[in-house]
């Protein structure tokens, strides 16, 4: 299988988190998005949560109007959010699970259990020319249902693997990694475009970049944290370099 180029999507949610801690307009997530694109990001991701804890409606409208790269609109699978997405017309919508009390997205979307509710949302997005993506665990049943729902893209939730790596739980990290490898292969064989994200840092991004089935990584929290010390542009360049090293490892294998 030819190796697909690996894209980097930068999530700017937590620039908005910092802004909202004090109110006002700064730091501006749109400015952060423009800086990330100037440094080499291939797209921008933003999650408009139902409680608007970070990204807000005006942020999404400005991102769509002002950035020159694709906008990936993360959202809960609700009719209200669908209406906003159809009005915004982003390049892609990534449907994610969402609970008000969670600090961050805790797991993948249960597309097996929610297929009846998801099917019409995916159809509406497809009809509108918006690429529908499903944020799911690397579980065979979830991947197979995603394909049956005619979602063109899945994003594999990498959080459990990344957490195990950071915490030094080698056996769990290896088990989660094997699940991701197998899931990426299954998804690609089913005709799905495969993305990955959640919890990735320079080291895990470099490792997962070595999987030829994956064509896009979406990374936010870690990069915004690193940008406090190195700046957004340097952080984007460093992440791109890590991804390039991982991709290069395939040709050296």
Foldseek 3Di string as FASTA:
>chain_A
DDFAAAAEEEELQVQQLVCVVVDDCPPPSLVLQQLLVVLPHQYYEYECEPVNNGPDLVSLLCNLVPDPHFYEYEYALDPVVLVSCLVSVTQAYEHADDDPPDPDRDFFDPCVVCVVSVLVSCVVCVVSNHQYEGEHALDVVSLVSCLVSVRQAYEHECAQLLVCVVVVVVVSNVVSVVSVLVSLVSNVVSNHQYAYEDNDDLQVLLQVLLRSSHHYYYYYDRLVVVCVPVNNSVSSVSSVVSSVNSNVVNVVD
